[in-house]
């Protein structure tokens, strides 16, 4: 019987060992399964973090584009307001030139003088209104030639003037605030 007990104990030990091996195998399979699941979850997390980072970058670019758009729009509106009278002024400059030529005529009769005084008043009102809008006459005579403000149509030799200096103005030049509307036509010394 002792032998039978021993055999029964040995069988129980074998069964317990098999159960233990199966339990360890099951546990290691569960650990591997958990690790695979964790690895998949980490990959998903990394993918989502990448998406979040990409979306943040896109958001920052869109916001910067919008800020640039607002700034450009504001600058364009300011420029439009600043130069709103430019078209009208460009259309009136030839009329001012004609007034200047008419006012330069020598008159001898009283009727012509009274007409000339009326023209001077209209000319003054017109030039005052244009100056209120920002129109300025470009000073030329005695200034050094500047191609931004002057258009040289002749060169003359002059001992009274330095080289490259404006000697005579043939046609007035105008600028609106800081923009040249028409450069002055001038004679320049050599």
N, C-alpha and C. Protein backbone atom coordinates (compact mmCIF):
# COMPACT_ATOMS: atom_id res chain seq x y z
N UNK A 1 0.80 -1.16 0.00
CA UNK A 1 0.00 0.00 0.00
C UNK A 1 0.86 1.25 0.00
N UNK A 2 1.93 1.08 0.61
CA UNK A 2 2.81 2.22 0.61
C UNK A 2 3.21 2.59 -0.81
N UNK A 3 3.37 1.56 -1.57
CA UNK A 3 3.72 1.82 -2.92
C UNK A 3 2.56 2.49 -3.65
N UNK A 4 1.40 2.08 -3.38
CA UNK A 4 0.24 2.67 -4.01
C UNK A 4 0.09 4.11 -3.57
N UNK A 5 0.39 4.39 -2.32
CA UNK A 5 0.30 5.76 -1.82
C UNK A 5 1.36 6.62 -2.49
N UNK A 6 2.51 5.99 -2.63
CA UNK A 6 3.60 6.72 -3.25
C UNK A 6 3.25 7.04 -4.69
N UNK A 7 2.70 6.07 -5.38
CA UNK A 7 2.34 6.28 -6.78
C UNK A 7 1.26 7.35 -6.88
N UNK A 8 0.31 7.31 -6.00
CA UNK A 8 -0.76 8.30 -5.98
C UNK A 8 -0.18 9.69 -5.70
N UNK A 9 0.75 9.80 -4.79
CA UNK A 9 1.40 11.08 -4.48
C UNK A 9 2.18 11.58 -5.69
N UNK A 10 2.89 10.62 -6.37
CA UNK A 10 3.67 11.02 -7.53
C UNK A 10 2.74 11.55 -8.64
N UNK A 11 1.59 10.88 -8.81
CA UNK A 11 0.65 11.32 -9.83
C UNK A 11 0.07 12.70 -9.47
N UNK A 12 -0.18 12.91 -8.19
CA UNK A 12 -0.71 14.20 -7.75
C UNK A 12 0.33 15.30 -7.99
N UNK A 13 1.57 14.98 -7.72
CA UNK A 13 2.64 15.95 -7.90
C UNK A 13 2.74 16.27 -9.39
N UNK A 14 2.67 15.21 -10.27
CA UNK A 14 2.74 15.45 -11.71
C UNK A 14 1.59 16.32 -12.17
N UNK A 15 0.38 16.04 -11.66
CA UNK A 15 -0.79 16.83 -12.03
C UNK A 15 -0.60 18.27 -11.56
N UNK A 16 -0.08 18.41 -10.34
CA UNK A 16 0.14 19.75 -9.81
C UNK A 16 1.20 20.49 -10.64
N UNK A 17 2.24 19.75 -11.05
CA UNK A 17 3.27 20.36 -11.88
C UNK A 17 2.70 20.78 -13.22
N UNK A 18 1.86 19.88 -13.83
CA UNK A 18 1.24 20.20 -15.11
C UNK A 18 0.34 21.43 -14.96
N UNK A 19 -0.43 21.48 -13.86
CA UNK A 19 -1.31 22.63 -13.61
C UNK A 19 -0.46 23.89 -13.43
N UNK A 20 0.63 23.74 -12.70
CA UNK A 20 1.51 24.88 -12.46
C UNK A 20 2.12 25.36 -13.78
N UNK A 21 2.57 24.41 -14.62
CA UNK A 21 3.15 24.76 -15.90
C UNK A 21 2.08 25.43 -16.77
N UNK A 22 0.86 24.88 -16.78
CA UNK A 22 -0.22 25.47 -17.56
C UNK A 22 -0.55 26.87 -17.04
N UNK A 23 -0.56 27.04 -15.71
CA UNK A 23 -0.86 28.33 -15.11
C UNK A 23 0.22 29.34 -15.50
N UNK A 24 1.47 28.92 -15.41
CA UNK A 24 2.57 29.81 -15.78
C UNK A 24 2.48 30.13 -17.27
N UNK A 25 2.18 29.14 -18.10
CA UNK A 25 2.04 29.37 -19.53
C UNK A 25 0.88 30.30 -19.80
N UNK A 26 -0.24 30.07 -19.13
CA UNK A 26 -1.40 30.95 -19.29
C UNK A 26 -1.07 32.38 -18.86
N UNK A 27 -0.37 32.47 -17.73
CA UNK A 27 0.00 33.80 -17.23
C UNK A 27 0.96 34.50 -18.20
N UNK A 28 1.93 33.75 -18.73
CA UNK A 28 2.87 34.36 -19.67
C UNK A 28 2.14 34.74 -20.96
N UNK A 29 1.16 33.92 -21.40
CA UNK A 29 0.35 34.28 -22.57
C UNK A 29 -0.45 35.55 -22.31
N UNK A 30 -1.00 35.61 -21.08
CA UNK A 30 -1.77 36.81 -20.72
C UNK A 30 -0.86 38.04 -20.70
N UNK A 31 0.36 37.89 -20.16
CA UNK A 31 1.31 39.01 -20.10
C UNK A 31 1.66 39.44 -21.53
N UNK A 32 1.94 38.46 -22.39
CA UNK A 32 2.26 38.78 -23.78
C UNK A 32 1.08 39.47 -24.46
N UNK A 33 -0.14 38.98 -24.20
CA UNK A 33 -1.33 39.59 -24.77
C UNK A 33 -1.49 41.02 -24.26
N UNK A 34 -1.26 41.22 -22.97
CA UNK A 34 -1.34 42.56 -22.39
C UNK A 34 -0.27 43.47 -23.01
N UNK A 35 0.94 42.93 -23.20
CA UNK A 35 2.01 43.72 -23.80
C UNK A 35 1.67 44.10 -25.23
N UNK A 36 1.09 43.16 -25.98
CA UNK A 36 0.68 43.45 -27.35
C UNK A 36 -0.39 44.53 -27.34
N UNK A 37 -1.37 44.39 -26.42
CA UNK A 37 -2.43 45.39 -26.31
C UNK A 37 -1.84 46.75 -25.93
N UNK A 38 -0.90 46.76 -24.96
CA UNK A 38 -0.26 48.01 -24.56
C UNK A 38 0.52 48.60 -25.74
N UNK A 39 1.22 47.77 -26.47
CA UNK A 39 1.98 48.25 -27.62
C UNK A 39 1.04 48.88 -28.65
N UNK A 40 -0.08 48.24 -28.91
CA UNK A 40 -1.05 48.79 -29.85
C UNK A 40 -1.62 50.10 -29.33
N UNK A 41 -1.90 50.16 -28.02
CA UNK A 41 -2.43 51.39 -27.42
C UNK A 41 -1.39 52.51 -27.50
N UNK A 42 -0.12 52.19 -27.25
CA UNK A 42 0.93 53.20 -27.34
C UNK A 42 1.05 53.73 -28.77
N UNK A 43 0.93 52.84 -29.75
CA UNK A 43 0.98 53.26 -31.15
C UNK A 43 -0.19 54.19 -31.46
N UNK A 44 -1.37 53.84 -30.96
CA UNK A 44 -2.54 54.70 -31.16
C UNK A 44 -2.32 56.06 -30.51
N UNK A 45 -1.77 56.05 -29.30
CA UNK A 45 -1.50 57.31 -28.58
C UNK A 45 -0.51 58.15 -29.37
N UNK A 46 0.56 57.54 -29.86
CA UNK A 46 1.55 58.28 -30.64
C UNK A 46 0.94 58.84 -31.92
N UNK A 47 0.09 58.02 -32.57
CA UNK A 47 -0.57 58.50 -33.79
C UNK A 47 -1.47 59.69 -33.48
N UNK A 48 -2.21 59.60 -32.38
CA UNK A 48 -3.10 60.71 -32.00
C UNK A 48 -2.29 61.95 -31.61
N UNK A 49 -1.17 61.74 -30.92
CA UNK A 49 -0.32 62.88 -30.57
C UNK A 49 0.24 63.54 -31.83
N UNK A 50 0.61 62.75 -32.83
CA UNK A 50 1.08 63.29 -34.10
C UNK A 50 -0.01 64.10 -34.79
N UNK A 51 -1.24 63.58 -34.77
CA UNK A 51 -2.37 64.31 -35.37
C UNK A 51 -2.61 65.63 -34.65
N UNK A 52 -2.56 65.58 -33.31
CA UNK A 52 -2.77 66.80 -32.52
C UNK A 52 -1.70 67.83 -32.85
N UNK A 53 -0.46 67.38 -32.96
CA UNK A 53 0.64 68.30 -33.28
C UNK A 53 0.45 68.89 -34.68
N UNK A 54 0.06 68.06 -35.64
CA UNK A 54 -0.18 68.55 -37.01
C UNK A 54 -1.32 69.55 -37.04
N UNK A 55 -2.40 69.26 -36.31
CA UNK A 55 -3.54 70.18 -36.26
C UNK A 55 -3.16 71.50 -35.60
N UNK A 56 -2.34 71.43 -34.55
CA UNK A 56 -1.88 72.67 -33.89
C UNK A 56 -1.05 73.50 -34.85
N UNK A 57 -0.17 72.86 -35.62
CA UNK A 57 0.64 73.59 -36.59
C UNK A 57 -0.23 74.23 -37.66
N UNK A 58 -1.22 73.48 -38.14
CA UNK A 58 -2.14 74.04 -39.14
C UNK A 58 -2.92 75.21 -38.57
N UNK A 59 -3.35 75.07 -37.32
CA UNK A 59 -4.09 76.15 -36.66
C UNK A 59 -3.22 77.40 -36.56
N UNK A 60 -1.95 77.23 -36.17
CA UNK A 60 -1.06 78.38 -36.06
C UNK A 60 -0.84 79.04 -37.42
N UNK A 61 -0.70 78.24 -38.48
CA UNK A 61 -0.51 78.82 -39.82
C UNK A 61 -1.76 79.57 -40.27
N UNK A 62 -2.93 78.99 -40.02
CA UNK A 62 -4.18 79.65 -40.41
C UNK A 62 -4.34 80.96 -39.63
N UNK A 63 -4.00 80.93 -38.36
CA UNK A 63 -4.12 82.13 -37.54
C UNK A 63 -3.14 83.21 -38.04
N UNK A 64 -1.93 82.81 -38.38
CA UNK A 64 -0.95 83.77 -38.91
C UNK A 64 -1.43 84.34 -40.25
N UNK A 65 -1.98 83.47 -41.11
CA UNK A 65 -2.52 83.95 -42.40
C UNK A 65 -3.64 84.94 -42.17
N UNK A 66 -4.50 84.65 -41.22
CA UNK A 66 -5.63 85.55 -40.93
C UNK A 66 -5.12 86.90 -40.40
N UNK A 67 -4.13 86.86 -39.51
CA UNK A 67 -3.56 88.11 -38.99
C UNK A 67 -2.93 88.92 -40.12
N UNK A 68 -2.21 88.25 -41.03
CA UNK A 68 -1.62 88.94 -42.18
C UNK A 68 -2.70 89.54 -43.07
N UNK A 69 -3.78 88.80 -43.28
CA UNK A 69 -4.89 89.29 -44.08
C UNK A 69 -5.50 90.54 -43.46
N UNK A 70 -5.74 90.50 -42.15
CA UNK A 70 -6.31 91.67 -41.46
C UNK A 70 -5.39 92.87 -41.57
N UNK A 71 -4.08 92.66 -41.39
CA UNK A 71 -3.12 93.76 -41.47
C UNK A 71 -3.09 94.34 -42.88
N UNK A 72 -3.06 93.47 -43.91
CA UNK A 72 -3.06 93.95 -45.30
C UNK A 72 -4.33 94.71 -45.62
N UNK A 73 -5.45 94.20 -45.17
CA UNK A 73 -6.73 94.87 -45.42
C UNK A 73 -6.75 96.24 -44.76
N UNK A 74 -6.27 96.32 -43.53
CA UNK A 74 -6.23 97.61 -42.83
C UNK A 74 -5.33 98.60 -43.56
N UNK A 75 -4.15 98.12 -44.02
CA UNK A 75 -3.23 99.00 -44.75
C UNK A 75 -3.85 99.46 -46.06
N UNK A 76 -4.54 98.56 -46.77
CA UNK A 76 -5.18 98.95 -48.02
C UNK A 76 -6.28 99.97 -47.78
N UNK A 77 -7.04 99.80 -46.69
CA UNK A 77 -8.10 100.77 -46.38
C UNK A 77 -7.50 102.12 -46.02
N UNK A 78 -6.39 102.11 -45.26
CA UNK A 78 -5.73 103.37 -44.90
C UNK A 78 -5.19 104.06 -46.15
N UNK A 79 -4.59 103.28 -47.06
CA UNK A 79 -4.06 103.86 -48.30
C UNK A 79 -5.19 104.40 -49.16
N UNK A 80 -6.30 103.67 -49.21
CA UNK A 80 -7.45 104.13 -50.00
C UNK A 80 -7.99 105.45 -49.43
N UNK A 81 -8.05 105.53 -48.11
CA UNK A 81 -8.54 106.77 -47.49
C UNK A 81 -7.53 107.91 -47.70
N UNK A 82 -6.24 107.58 -47.62
CA UNK A 82 -5.19 108.59 -47.75
C UNK A 82 -5.16 109.17 -49.16
N UNK A 83 -5.37 108.34 -50.15
CA UNK A 83 -5.26 108.79 -51.54
C UNK A 83 -6.61 108.79 -52.26
N UNK A 84 -7.70 108.94 -51.52
CA UNK A 84 -9.04 108.87 -52.12
C UNK A 84 -9.28 109.96 -53.16
N UNK A 85 -8.62 111.10 -53.02
CA UNK A 85 -8.84 112.24 -53.91
C UNK A 85 -7.88 112.24 -55.10
N UNK A 86 -7.04 111.21 -55.23
CA UNK A 86 -6.01 111.22 -56.27
C UNK A 86 -6.61 111.32 -57.67
N UNK A 87 -7.64 110.58 -57.97
CA UNK A 87 -8.23 110.63 -59.32
C UNK A 87 -8.77 112.01 -59.64
N UNK A 88 -9.46 112.61 -58.69
CA UNK A 88 -10.00 113.96 -58.89
C UNK A 88 -8.87 114.98 -59.06
N UNK A 89 -7.86 114.86 -58.24
CA UNK A 89 -6.73 115.80 -58.32
C UNK A 89 -6.02 115.68 -59.66
N UNK A 90 -5.80 114.44 -60.12
CA UNK A 90 -5.15 114.25 -61.42
C UNK A 90 -5.97 114.87 -62.54
N UNK A 91 -7.30 114.82 -62.41
CA UNK A 91 -8.16 115.42 -63.43
C UNK A 91 -8.14 116.95 -63.35
N UNK A 92 -7.93 117.52 -62.17
CA UNK A 92 -7.96 118.97 -62.00
C UNK A 92 -6.62 119.66 -62.27
N UNK A 93 -5.53 118.92 -62.25
CA UNK A 93 -4.22 119.54 -62.46
C UNK A 93 -4.13 120.27 -63.80
N UNK A 94 -4.62 119.72 -64.91
CA UNK A 94 -4.58 120.50 -66.16
C UNK A 94 -5.38 121.80 -66.07
N UNK A 95 -6.48 121.80 -65.33
CA UNK A 95 -7.26 123.03 -65.16
C UNK A 95 -6.45 124.06 -64.37
N UNK A 96 -5.73 123.60 -63.37
CA UNK A 96 -4.88 124.52 -62.60
C UNK A 96 -3.79 125.09 -63.50
N UNK A 97 -3.20 124.23 -64.35
CA UNK A 97 -2.19 124.72 -65.31
C UNK A 97 -2.77 125.81 -66.20
N UNK A 98 -3.98 125.60 -66.68
CA UNK A 98 -4.62 126.61 -67.54
C UNK A 98 -4.89 127.90 -66.77
N UNK A 99 -5.31 127.77 -65.50
CA UNK A 99 -5.48 128.98 -64.67
C UNK A 99 -4.16 129.71 -64.54
N UNK A 100 -3.07 128.99 -64.26
CA UNK A 100 -1.76 129.63 -64.11
C UNK A 100 -1.36 130.38 -65.38
N UNK A 101 -1.59 129.77 -66.54
CA UNK A 101 -1.26 130.45 -67.81
C UNK A 101 -2.14 131.68 -68.01
N UNK A 102 -3.42 131.56 -67.69
CA UNK A 102 -4.35 132.70 -67.87
C UNK A 102 -3.99 133.83 -66.91
N UNK A 103 -3.58 133.48 -65.71
CA UNK A 103 -3.23 134.52 -64.73
C UNK A 103 -1.91 135.20 -65.08
N UNK A 104 -1.11 134.57 -65.91
CA UNK A 104 0.16 135.16 -66.33
C UNK A 104 0.03 136.15 -67.47
N UNK A 105 -1.16 136.30 -68.02
CA UNK A 105 -1.38 137.22 -69.14
C UNK A 105 -1.43 138.66 -68.61
N UNK A 106 -0.78 139.57 -69.33
CA UNK A 106 -0.82 140.99 -68.97
C UNK A 106 -2.10 141.61 -69.54
N UNK A 107 -2.83 142.29 -68.67
CA UNK A 107 -4.08 142.93 -69.11
C UNK A 107 -3.96 144.44 -68.92
N UNK A 108 -4.72 145.18 -69.76
CA UNK A 108 -4.63 146.64 -69.69
C UNK A 108 -5.97 147.29 -69.42
N UNK A 109 -7.06 146.65 -69.78
CA UNK A 109 -8.36 147.30 -69.57
C UNK A 109 -8.91 146.96 -68.19
N UNK A 110 -9.81 147.82 -67.73
CA UNK A 110 -10.42 147.60 -66.41
C UNK A 110 -11.30 146.36 -66.40
N UNK A 111 -12.00 146.11 -67.48
CA UNK A 111 -12.85 144.92 -67.56
C UNK A 111 -11.99 143.65 -67.46
N UNK A 112 -10.88 143.66 -68.14
CA UNK A 112 -9.99 142.49 -68.11
C UNK A 112 -9.39 142.30 -66.72
N UNK A 113 -9.08 143.41 -66.04
CA UNK A 113 -8.54 143.32 -64.67
C UNK A 113 -9.57 142.73 -63.71
N UNK A 114 -10.83 143.16 -63.83
CA UNK A 114 -11.86 142.61 -62.93
C UNK A 114 -12.09 141.13 -63.25
N UNK A 115 -12.01 140.74 -64.50
CA UNK A 115 -12.13 139.33 -64.87
C UNK A 115 -10.94 138.55 -64.31
N UNK A 116 -9.76 139.13 -64.39
CA UNK A 116 -8.56 138.50 -63.87
C UNK A 116 -8.66 138.33 -62.35
N UNK A 117 -9.21 139.32 -61.65
CA UNK A 117 -9.38 139.20 -60.19
C UNK A 117 -10.34 138.07 -59.85
N UNK A 118 -11.41 137.94 -60.61
CA UNK A 118 -12.35 136.82 -60.39
C UNK A 118 -11.68 135.48 -60.63
N UNK A 119 -10.86 135.41 -61.68
CA UNK A 119 -10.13 134.16 -61.96
C UNK A 119 -9.14 133.85 -60.85
N UNK A 120 -8.48 134.88 -60.30
CA UNK A 120 -7.54 134.68 -59.19
C UNK A 120 -8.25 134.12 -57.97
N UNK A 121 -9.47 134.63 -57.71
CA UNK A 121 -10.23 134.14 -56.55
C UNK A 121 -10.62 132.67 -56.75
N UNK A 122 -11.09 132.32 -57.93
CA UNK A 122 -11.47 130.93 -58.22
C UNK A 122 -10.23 130.04 -58.13
N UNK A 123 -9.11 130.51 -58.70
CA UNK A 123 -7.86 129.75 -58.66
C UNK A 123 -7.42 129.51 -57.22
N UNK A 124 -7.48 130.53 -56.40
CA UNK A 124 -7.09 130.42 -54.99
C UNK A 124 -7.98 129.43 -54.25
N UNK A 125 -9.30 129.51 -54.48
CA UNK A 125 -10.22 128.57 -53.82
C UNK A 125 -9.94 127.13 -54.26
N UNK A 126 -9.70 126.96 -55.52
CA UNK A 126 -9.43 125.62 -56.04
C UNK A 126 -8.12 125.06 -55.46
N UNK A 127 -7.08 125.88 -55.46
CA UNK A 127 -5.80 125.40 -54.92
C UNK A 127 -5.89 125.18 -53.41
N UNK A 128 -6.63 126.02 -52.70
CA UNK A 128 -6.80 125.81 -51.25
C UNK A 128 -7.53 124.49 -50.97
N UNK A 129 -8.57 124.21 -51.74
CA UNK A 129 -9.31 122.96 -51.56
C UNK A 129 -8.42 121.76 -51.83
N UNK A 130 -7.60 121.84 -52.87
CA UNK A 130 -6.70 120.73 -53.19
C UNK A 130 -5.60 120.59 -52.14
N UNK A 131 -5.12 121.70 -51.61
CA UNK A 131 -4.11 121.63 -50.54
C UNK A 131 -4.70 121.01 -49.28
N UNK A 132 -5.97 121.27 -49.01
CA UNK A 132 -6.63 120.64 -47.86
C UNK A 132 -6.71 119.13 -48.01
N UNK A 133 -6.73 118.66 -49.25
CA UNK A 133 -6.75 117.21 -49.51
C UNK A 133 -5.35 116.61 -49.49
N UNK A 134 -4.33 117.46 -49.36
CA UNK A 134 -2.96 116.95 -49.26
C UNK A 134 -2.09 117.21 -50.47
N UNK A 135 -2.58 117.99 -51.44
CA UNK A 135 -1.80 118.28 -52.64
C UNK A 135 -0.73 119.32 -52.30
N UNK A 136 0.49 119.06 -52.75
CA UNK A 136 1.59 120.00 -52.54
C UNK A 136 2.29 120.24 -53.87
N UNK A 137 2.76 121.48 -54.06
CA UNK A 137 3.56 121.81 -55.23
C UNK A 137 4.99 121.39 -54.93
N UNK A 138 5.63 120.75 -55.90
CA UNK A 138 7.03 120.34 -55.73
C UNK A 138 7.92 121.54 -56.01
N UNK A 139 8.71 121.92 -55.02
CA UNK A 139 9.65 123.04 -55.18
C UNK A 139 10.78 122.59 -56.10
N UNK A 140 11.11 123.42 -57.07
CA UNK A 140 12.10 122.99 -58.06
C UNK A 140 13.26 123.97 -58.23
N UNK A 141 12.97 125.22 -58.53
CA UNK A 141 14.02 126.19 -58.87
C UNK A 141 14.97 126.34 -57.69
N UNK A 142 16.28 126.17 -58.01
CA UNK A 142 17.31 126.30 -56.99
C UNK A 142 17.59 124.99 -56.25
N UNK A 143 16.79 123.99 -56.46
CA UNK A 143 16.99 122.69 -55.81
C UNK A 143 17.93 121.83 -56.66
N UNK A 144 18.56 120.86 -56.03
CA UNK A 144 19.34 119.88 -56.79
C UNK A 144 18.37 118.97 -57.53
N UNK A 145 18.75 118.55 -58.73
CA UNK A 145 17.89 117.69 -59.54
C UNK A 145 17.69 116.36 -58.83
N UNK A 146 16.43 115.96 -58.70
CA UNK A 146 16.07 114.68 -58.09
C UNK A 146 15.13 113.97 -59.06
N UNK A 147 15.55 112.85 -59.63
CA UNK A 147 14.70 112.18 -60.64
C UNK A 147 13.37 111.69 -60.09
N UNK A 148 13.23 111.62 -58.78
CA UNK A 148 11.95 111.22 -58.19
C UNK A 148 10.92 112.36 -58.28
N UNK A 149 11.42 113.59 -58.28
CA UNK A 149 10.53 114.76 -58.26
C UNK A 149 10.60 115.61 -59.52
N UNK A 150 11.66 115.44 -60.29
CA UNK A 150 11.87 116.31 -61.46
C UNK A 150 12.03 115.48 -62.72
N UNK A 151 11.56 116.07 -63.81
CA UNK A 151 11.77 115.50 -65.14
C UNK A 151 12.57 116.51 -65.93
N UNK A 152 13.84 116.18 -66.21
CA UNK A 152 14.71 117.12 -66.93
C UNK A 152 14.39 117.03 -68.42
N UNK A 153 14.04 118.18 -69.00
CA UNK A 153 13.76 118.22 -70.43
C UNK A 153 14.85 118.98 -71.19
N UNK A 154 15.68 119.73 -70.44
CA UNK A 154 16.78 120.49 -71.06
C UNK A 154 17.93 120.60 -70.08
N UNK A 155 19.13 120.76 -70.68
CA UNK A 155 20.30 121.09 -69.88
C UNK A 155 20.89 122.36 -70.44
N UNK A 156 21.26 123.26 -69.54
CA UNK A 156 21.85 124.53 -69.97
C UNK A 156 23.12 124.77 -69.18
N UNK A 157 24.02 125.52 -69.80
CA UNK A 157 25.24 125.90 -69.09
C UNK A 157 24.95 127.19 -68.34
N UNK A 158 25.31 127.20 -67.06
CA UNK A 158 25.06 128.38 -66.24
C UNK A 158 26.18 128.54 -65.24
N UNK A 159 26.72 129.76 -65.21
CA UNK A 159 27.78 130.06 -64.25
C UNK A 159 27.18 130.44 -62.90
N UNK A 160 25.89 130.80 -62.90
CA UNK A 160 25.23 131.23 -61.67
C UNK A 160 24.76 130.05 -60.82
N UNK A 161 24.71 128.87 -61.41
CA UNK A 161 24.19 127.70 -60.71
C UNK A 161 25.23 126.59 -60.67
N UNK A 162 25.13 125.78 -59.62
CA UNK A 162 26.01 124.62 -59.51
C UNK A 162 25.57 123.56 -60.52
N UNK A 163 26.47 122.65 -60.86
CA UNK A 163 26.07 121.57 -61.77
C UNK A 163 24.93 120.73 -61.16
N UNK A 164 24.06 120.27 -62.01
CA UNK A 164 22.94 119.40 -61.63
C UNK A 164 21.92 120.12 -60.73
N UNK A 165 21.80 121.43 -60.91
CA UNK A 165 20.83 122.21 -60.14
C UNK A 165 19.73 122.69 -61.09
N UNK A 166 18.50 122.73 -60.57
CA UNK A 166 17.37 123.17 -61.39
C UNK A 166 17.47 124.67 -61.60
N UNK A 167 17.47 125.07 -62.89
CA UNK A 167 17.61 126.47 -63.26
C UNK A 167 16.23 127.10 -63.47
N UNK A 168 15.34 126.36 -64.12
CA UNK A 168 14.02 126.92 -64.45
C UNK A 168 12.98 125.80 -64.42
N UNK A 169 11.79 126.19 -64.01
CA UNK A 169 10.68 125.23 -63.99
C UNK A 169 9.78 125.53 -65.17
N UNK A 170 9.57 124.52 -66.03
CA UNK A 170 8.73 124.70 -67.21
C UNK A 170 7.28 124.31 -66.93
N UNK A 171 7.09 123.36 -66.05
CA UNK A 171 5.74 122.94 -65.66
C UNK A 171 5.81 122.48 -64.21
N UNK A 172 4.83 122.93 -63.40
CA UNK A 172 4.82 122.59 -61.98
C UNK A 172 4.65 121.08 -61.78
N UNK A 173 5.26 120.62 -60.73
CA UNK A 173 5.09 119.23 -60.32
C UNK A 173 4.26 119.19 -59.06
N UNK A 174 3.55 118.09 -58.85
CA UNK A 174 2.66 117.97 -57.68
C UNK A 174 2.85 116.61 -57.02
N UNK A 175 2.66 116.62 -55.70
CA UNK A 175 2.62 115.35 -54.99
C UNK A 175 1.44 115.37 -54.03
N UNK A 176 0.86 114.21 -53.84
CA UNK A 176 -0.26 114.03 -52.92
C UNK A 176 0.28 113.31 -51.71
N UNK A 177 0.33 114.04 -50.59
CA UNK A 177 0.93 113.54 -49.34
C UNK A 177 2.36 113.11 -49.63
N UNK A 178 2.64 111.83 -49.78
CA UNK A 178 4.02 111.40 -50.05
C UNK A 178 4.18 110.75 -51.42
N UNK A 179 3.15 110.81 -52.25
CA UNK A 179 3.16 110.18 -53.57
C UNK A 179 3.24 111.26 -54.65
N UNK A 180 4.19 111.11 -55.58
CA UNK A 180 4.33 112.07 -56.68
C UNK A 180 3.21 111.82 -57.69
N UNK A 181 2.43 112.87 -57.94
CA UNK A 181 1.35 112.79 -58.92
C UNK A 181 1.89 113.11 -60.30
N UNK A 182 2.69 114.18 -60.36
CA UNK A 182 3.32 114.57 -61.62
C UNK A 182 4.65 115.23 -61.29
N UNK A 183 5.75 114.73 -61.88
CA UNK A 183 7.04 115.38 -61.62
C UNK A 183 7.11 116.74 -62.32
N UNK A 184 7.90 117.63 -61.78
CA UNK A 184 8.07 118.95 -62.37
C UNK A 184 8.97 118.84 -63.59
N UNK A 185 8.59 119.52 -64.70
CA UNK A 185 9.44 119.58 -65.89
C UNK A 185 10.39 120.75 -65.71
N UNK A 186 11.69 120.46 -65.81
CA UNK A 186 12.67 121.48 -65.44
C UNK A 186 13.84 121.53 -66.44
N UNK A 187 14.54 122.69 -66.37
CA UNK A 187 15.85 122.85 -67.03
C UNK A 187 16.89 122.66 -65.94
N UNK A 188 17.96 121.95 -66.30
CA UNK A 188 19.00 121.64 -65.31
C UNK A 188 20.32 122.19 -65.81
N UNK A 189 21.13 122.72 -64.88
CA UNK A 189 22.45 123.24 -65.24
C UNK A 189 23.44 122.08 -65.39
N UNK A 190 24.42 122.32 -66.27
CA UNK A 190 25.44 121.29 -66.50
C UNK A 190 26.60 121.47 -65.58
